[in-house]
Amino acid sequence: MAKRKIIWSNRAKTKRYEILEFYIDRNKSNTYSIKLNRRINKELRLLIKYPNLGIKTDIIGVRGLIIENFILFYELDNNIIVVHYIWDSRQNPEGLKVR
């Protein structure tokens, strides 16, 4: 079996950057952002091994991986895991668009 690969959508990349920058600005330190980024990368390594690790969503084919207060929405397409969005679950879900 070929090794799985993670692909981030542009929206997901932008949101990840915004989240990390938010905590740098809020905490006046990059310590938490580094810790969070490492945690995300650790969970993605697990996702490569176990692609069905996340919970099913109402959107066909899309799963959600819970990482602290965030949900990483992804979809498995053959050996590619597409990360559609990362969302802070403490926000109002009315404006949430996964794809």
N, C-alpha and C. Protein backbone atom coordinates (compact mmCIF):
# COMPACT_ATOMS: atom_id res chain seq x y z
N MET A 1 0.85 -1.19 0.00
CA MET A 1 0.00 0.00 0.00
C MET A 1 0.89 1.24 0.00
N ALA A 2 0.53 2.21 -0.81
CA ALA A 2 1.27 3.47 -0.88
C ALA A 2 1.03 4.28 0.39
N LYS A 3 2.01 5.09 0.71
CA LYS A 3 1.89 5.92 1.90
C LYS A 3 0.88 7.05 1.67
N ARG A 4 0.09 7.30 2.68
CA ARG A 4 -0.90 8.38 2.59
C ARG A 4 -0.20 9.74 2.69
N LYS A 5 -0.82 10.72 2.09
CA LYS A 5 -0.26 12.07 2.06
C LYS A 5 -1.33 13.05 2.55
N ILE A 6 -0.91 14.05 3.32
CA ILE A 6 -1.81 15.10 3.81
C ILE A 6 -1.74 16.30 2.86
N ILE A 7 -2.89 16.76 2.43
CA ILE A 7 -2.99 17.97 1.61
C ILE A 7 -3.90 18.95 2.35
N TRP A 8 -3.41 20.16 2.57
CA TRP A 8 -4.21 21.20 3.22
C TRP A 8 -4.85 22.08 2.15
N SER A 9 -6.15 22.32 2.27
CA SER A 9 -6.80 23.29 1.38
C SER A 9 -6.28 24.68 1.74
N ASN A 10 -6.43 25.61 0.82
CA ASN A 10 -5.99 26.98 1.10
C ASN A 10 -6.72 27.57 2.30
N ARG A 11 -8.02 27.28 2.40
CA ARG A 11 -8.80 27.78 3.53
C ARG A 11 -8.28 27.23 4.85
N ALA A 12 -7.94 25.93 4.85
CA ALA A 12 -7.45 25.29 6.07
C ALA A 12 -6.08 25.85 6.46
N LYS A 13 -5.21 26.07 5.47
CA LYS A 13 -3.89 26.65 5.75
C LYS A 13 -4.04 28.04 6.35
N THR A 14 -4.91 28.83 5.75
CA THR A 14 -5.13 30.20 6.23
C THR A 14 -5.69 30.19 7.64
N LYS A 15 -6.65 29.33 7.90
CA LYS A 15 -7.27 29.27 9.24
C LYS A 15 -6.26 28.81 10.28
N ARG A 16 -5.44 27.83 9.94
CA ARG A 16 -4.40 27.36 10.88
C ARG A 16 -3.46 28.50 11.23
N TYR A 17 -3.04 29.24 10.23
CA TYR A 17 -2.16 30.38 10.45
C TYR A 17 -2.84 31.43 11.34
N GLU A 18 -4.10 31.73 11.05
CA GLU A 18 -4.84 32.71 11.85
C GLU A 18 -4.96 32.27 13.31
N ILE A 19 -5.22 31.00 13.53
CA ILE A 19 -5.34 30.48 14.91
C ILE A 19 -4.02 30.62 15.64
N LEU A 20 -2.93 30.20 15.01
CA LEU A 20 -1.62 30.29 15.65
C LEU A 20 -1.23 31.74 15.91
N GLU A 21 -1.49 32.62 14.96
CA GLU A 21 -1.19 34.05 15.13
C GLU A 21 -2.04 34.67 16.24
N PHE A 22 -3.30 34.27 16.33
CA PHE A 22 -4.19 34.78 17.37
C PHE A 22 -3.60 34.52 18.75
N TYR A 23 -3.14 33.29 18.98
CA TYR A 23 -2.61 32.96 20.30
C TYR A 23 -1.26 33.61 20.57
N ILE A 24 -0.47 33.85 19.54
CA ILE A 24 0.78 34.59 19.72
C ILE A 24 0.46 36.00 20.17
N ASP A 25 -0.51 36.63 19.50
CA ASP A 25 -0.89 38.00 19.84
C ASP A 25 -1.55 38.07 21.22
N ARG A 26 -2.47 37.17 21.48
CA ARG A 26 -3.20 37.19 22.75
C ARG A 26 -2.29 36.92 23.95
N ASN A 27 -1.40 35.95 23.81
CA ASN A 27 -0.55 35.55 24.93
C ASN A 27 0.76 36.32 24.99
N LYS A 28 1.04 37.13 23.96
CA LYS A 28 2.30 37.86 23.87
C LYS A 28 3.49 36.90 23.95
N SER A 29 3.28 35.70 23.44
CA SER A 29 4.30 34.65 23.44
C SER A 29 3.90 33.63 22.39
N ASN A 30 4.91 32.97 21.83
CA ASN A 30 4.59 31.94 20.84
C ASN A 30 4.58 30.53 21.44
N THR A 31 4.72 30.41 22.74
CA THR A 31 4.81 29.11 23.40
C THR A 31 3.59 28.23 23.13
N TYR A 32 2.40 28.77 23.36
CA TYR A 32 1.19 27.97 23.15
C TYR A 32 1.01 27.62 21.68
N SER A 33 1.29 28.56 20.78
CA SER A 33 1.14 28.29 19.35
C SER A 33 2.08 27.18 18.90
N ILE A 34 3.29 27.17 19.41
CA ILE A 34 4.23 26.09 19.08
C ILE A 34 3.69 24.76 19.59
N LYS A 35 3.20 24.77 20.83
CA LYS A 35 2.65 23.55 21.43
C LYS A 35 1.45 23.04 20.62
N LEU A 36 0.54 23.95 20.26
CA LEU A 36 -0.64 23.58 19.49
C LEU A 36 -0.24 23.05 18.11
N ASN A 37 0.69 23.70 17.46
CA ASN A 37 1.14 23.27 16.14
C ASN A 37 1.77 21.87 16.21
N ARG A 38 2.55 21.61 17.24
CA ARG A 38 3.14 20.28 17.42
C ARG A 38 2.05 19.24 17.65
N ARG A 39 1.04 19.60 18.42
CA ARG A 39 -0.07 18.68 18.68
C ARG A 39 -0.83 18.36 17.40
N ILE A 40 -1.07 19.38 16.58
CA ILE A 40 -1.75 19.16 15.30
C ILE A 40 -0.93 18.21 14.43
N ASN A 41 0.37 18.45 14.35
CA ASN A 41 1.24 17.59 13.53
C ASN A 41 1.27 16.16 14.06
N LYS A 42 1.27 16.00 15.39
CA LYS A 42 1.26 14.67 16.00
C LYS A 42 -0.03 13.93 15.62
N GLU A 43 -1.17 14.63 15.71
CA GLU A 43 -2.45 14.02 15.38
C GLU A 43 -2.53 13.68 13.89
N LEU A 44 -1.91 14.50 13.05
CA LEU A 44 -1.90 14.21 11.61
C LEU A 44 -1.08 12.96 11.30
N ARG A 45 0.01 12.75 12.04
CA ARG A 45 0.79 11.52 11.86
C ARG A 45 -0.05 10.30 12.22
N LEU A 46 -0.86 10.42 13.28
CA LEU A 46 -1.78 9.33 13.63
C LEU A 46 -2.83 9.12 12.54
N LEU A 47 -3.31 10.22 11.99
CA LEU A 47 -4.33 10.16 10.95
C LEU A 47 -3.81 9.45 9.70
N ILE A 48 -2.53 9.61 9.40
CA ILE A 48 -1.94 8.92 8.26
C ILE A 48 -2.01 7.41 8.48
N LYS A 49 -1.75 6.98 9.70
CA LYS A 49 -1.81 5.54 10.01
C LYS A 49 -3.24 5.03 10.12
N TYR A 50 -4.11 5.84 10.72
CA TYR A 50 -5.49 5.44 11.00
C TYR A 50 -6.45 6.49 10.43
N PRO A 51 -6.72 6.46 9.13
CA PRO A 51 -7.51 7.52 8.50
C PRO A 51 -8.95 7.63 8.97
N ASN A 52 -9.49 6.60 9.58
CA ASN A 52 -10.86 6.67 10.08
C ASN A 52 -10.92 7.06 11.55
N LEU A 53 -9.85 7.64 12.04
CA LEU A 53 -9.75 8.03 13.44
C LEU A 53 -10.79 9.08 13.84
N GLY A 54 -11.06 10.01 12.95
CA GLY A 54 -12.02 11.08 13.24
C GLY A 54 -13.45 10.58 13.24
N ILE A 55 -14.33 11.41 13.79
CA ILE A 55 -15.74 11.05 13.85
C ILE A 55 -16.44 11.45 12.55
N LYS A 56 -17.45 10.68 12.17
CA LYS A 56 -18.22 11.00 10.97
C LYS A 56 -18.99 12.29 11.19
N THR A 57 -19.16 13.04 10.11
CA THR A 57 -19.95 14.26 10.16
C THR A 57 -21.21 14.06 9.32
N ASP A 58 -22.04 15.08 9.27
CA ASP A 58 -23.25 15.03 8.44
C ASP A 58 -22.92 15.15 6.95
N ILE A 59 -21.70 15.55 6.65
CA ILE A 59 -21.28 15.70 5.26
C ILE A 59 -20.67 14.38 4.81
N ILE A 60 -21.18 13.83 3.74
CA ILE A 60 -20.73 12.52 3.26
C ILE A 60 -19.23 12.55 2.96
N GLY A 61 -18.51 11.60 3.55
CA GLY A 61 -17.08 11.45 3.31
C GLY A 61 -16.18 12.30 4.19
N VAL A 62 -16.77 13.25 4.90
CA VAL A 62 -15.97 14.16 5.73
C VAL A 62 -16.01 13.69 7.18
N ARG A 63 -14.84 13.67 7.79
CA ARG A 63 -14.71 13.28 9.20
C ARG A 63 -14.12 14.46 9.97
N GLY A 64 -14.30 14.44 11.28
CA GLY A 64 -13.76 15.50 12.13
C GLY A 64 -12.84 14.92 13.19
N LEU A 65 -11.63 15.43 13.25
CA LEU A 65 -10.65 14.99 14.23
C LEU A 65 -10.57 16.06 15.31
N ILE A 66 -10.88 15.69 16.54
CA ILE A 66 -10.87 16.64 17.65
C ILE A 66 -9.46 16.77 18.20
N ILE A 67 -8.97 18.00 18.24
CA ILE A 67 -7.65 18.32 18.77
C ILE A 67 -7.84 19.49 19.74
N GLU A 68 -7.78 19.19 21.02
CA GLU A 68 -8.05 20.17 22.08
C GLU A 68 -9.42 20.81 21.82
N ASN A 69 -9.46 22.12 21.60
CA ASN A 69 -10.73 22.82 21.37
C ASN A 69 -11.05 22.99 19.89
N PHE A 70 -10.33 22.29 19.05
CA PHE A 70 -10.46 22.46 17.61
C PHE A 70 -10.93 21.17 16.95
N ILE A 71 -11.59 21.33 15.82
CA ILE A 71 -11.99 20.18 15.01
C ILE A 71 -11.35 20.36 13.64
N LEU A 72 -10.60 19.36 13.23
CA LEU A 72 -9.96 19.36 11.93
C LEU A 72 -10.84 18.51 11.01
N PHE A 73 -11.44 19.15 10.03
CA PHE A 73 -12.33 18.45 9.09
C PHE A 73 -11.51 17.97 7.90
N TYR A 74 -11.63 16.68 7.61
CA TYR A 74 -10.83 16.10 6.53
C TYR A 74 -11.64 15.06 5.77
N GLU A 75 -11.08 14.69 4.62
CA GLU A 75 -11.71 13.71 3.76
C GLU A 75 -10.62 12.81 3.19
N LEU A 76 -10.88 11.52 3.14
CA LEU A 76 -9.94 10.56 2.60
C LEU A 76 -10.29 10.28 1.14
N ASP A 77 -9.33 10.49 0.26
CA ASP A 77 -9.53 10.25 -1.17
C ASP A 77 -8.36 9.38 -1.64
N ASN A 78 -8.59 8.07 -1.75
CA ASN A 78 -7.54 7.09 -2.04
C ASN A 78 -6.46 7.20 -0.97
N ASN A 79 -5.25 7.57 -1.34
CA ASN A 79 -4.16 7.70 -0.37
C ASN A 79 -3.87 9.15 -0.01
N ILE A 80 -4.82 10.02 -0.28
CA ILE A 80 -4.66 11.44 0.04
C ILE A 80 -5.69 11.82 1.10
N ILE A 81 -5.21 12.48 2.13
CA ILE A 81 -6.10 13.01 3.16
C ILE A 81 -6.16 14.52 2.94
N VAL A 82 -7.33 15.00 2.58
CA VAL A 82 -7.51 16.42 2.32
C VAL A 82 -8.08 17.08 3.57
N VAL A 83 -7.32 18.02 4.13
CA VAL A 83 -7.79 18.80 5.28
C VAL A 83 -8.56 19.98 4.71
N HIS A 84 -9.87 19.99 4.97
CA HIS A 84 -10.73 21.05 4.43
C HIS A 84 -10.74 22.29 5.30
N TYR A 85 -10.73 22.09 6.63
CA TYR A 85 -10.88 23.25 7.51
C TYR A 85 -10.49 22.87 8.93
N ILE A 86 -10.04 23.84 9.68
CA ILE A 86 -9.82 23.66 11.11
C ILE A 86 -10.65 24.73 11.81
N TRP A 87 -11.42 24.30 12.79
CA TRP A 87 -12.42 25.17 13.38
C TRP A 87 -12.35 25.13 14.90
N ASP A 88 -12.43 26.29 15.52
CA ASP A 88 -12.48 26.40 16.98
C ASP A 88 -13.90 26.06 17.42
N SER A 89 -14.05 24.96 18.13
CA SER A 89 -15.38 24.46 18.49
C SER A 89 -16.10 25.33 19.52
N ARG A 90 -15.42 26.35 20.03
CA ARG A 90 -16.08 27.27 20.97
C ARG A 90 -16.83 28.38 20.25
N GLN A 91 -16.74 28.41 18.93
CA GLN A 91 -17.42 29.42 18.15
C GLN A 91 -18.82 28.96 17.78
N ASN A 92 -19.64 29.91 17.37
CA ASN A 92 -20.99 29.62 16.92
C ASN A 92 -20.93 28.85 15.61
N PRO A 93 -21.54 27.68 15.52
CA PRO A 93 -21.42 26.86 14.31
C PRO A 93 -22.25 27.35 13.13
N GLU A 94 -23.02 28.40 13.30
CA GLU A 94 -23.87 28.87 12.20
C GLU A 94 -23.07 29.29 10.98
N GLY A 95 -21.89 29.85 11.16
CA GLY A 95 -21.09 30.32 10.05
C GLY A 95 -20.09 29.30 9.53
N LEU A 96 -20.13 28.10 10.05
CA LEU A 96 -19.15 27.07 9.68
C LEU A 96 -19.42 26.53 8.28
N LYS A 97 -18.40 26.61 7.42
CA LYS A 97 -18.43 26.01 6.09
C LYS A 97 -17.22 25.09 6.01
N VAL A 98 -17.45 23.82 5.90
CA VAL A 98 -16.36 22.85 5.91
C VAL A 98 -15.66 22.82 4.56
N ARG A 99 -16.38 22.77 3.47
CA ARG A 99 -15.77 22.74 2.13
C ARG A 99 -15.92 24.06 1.44
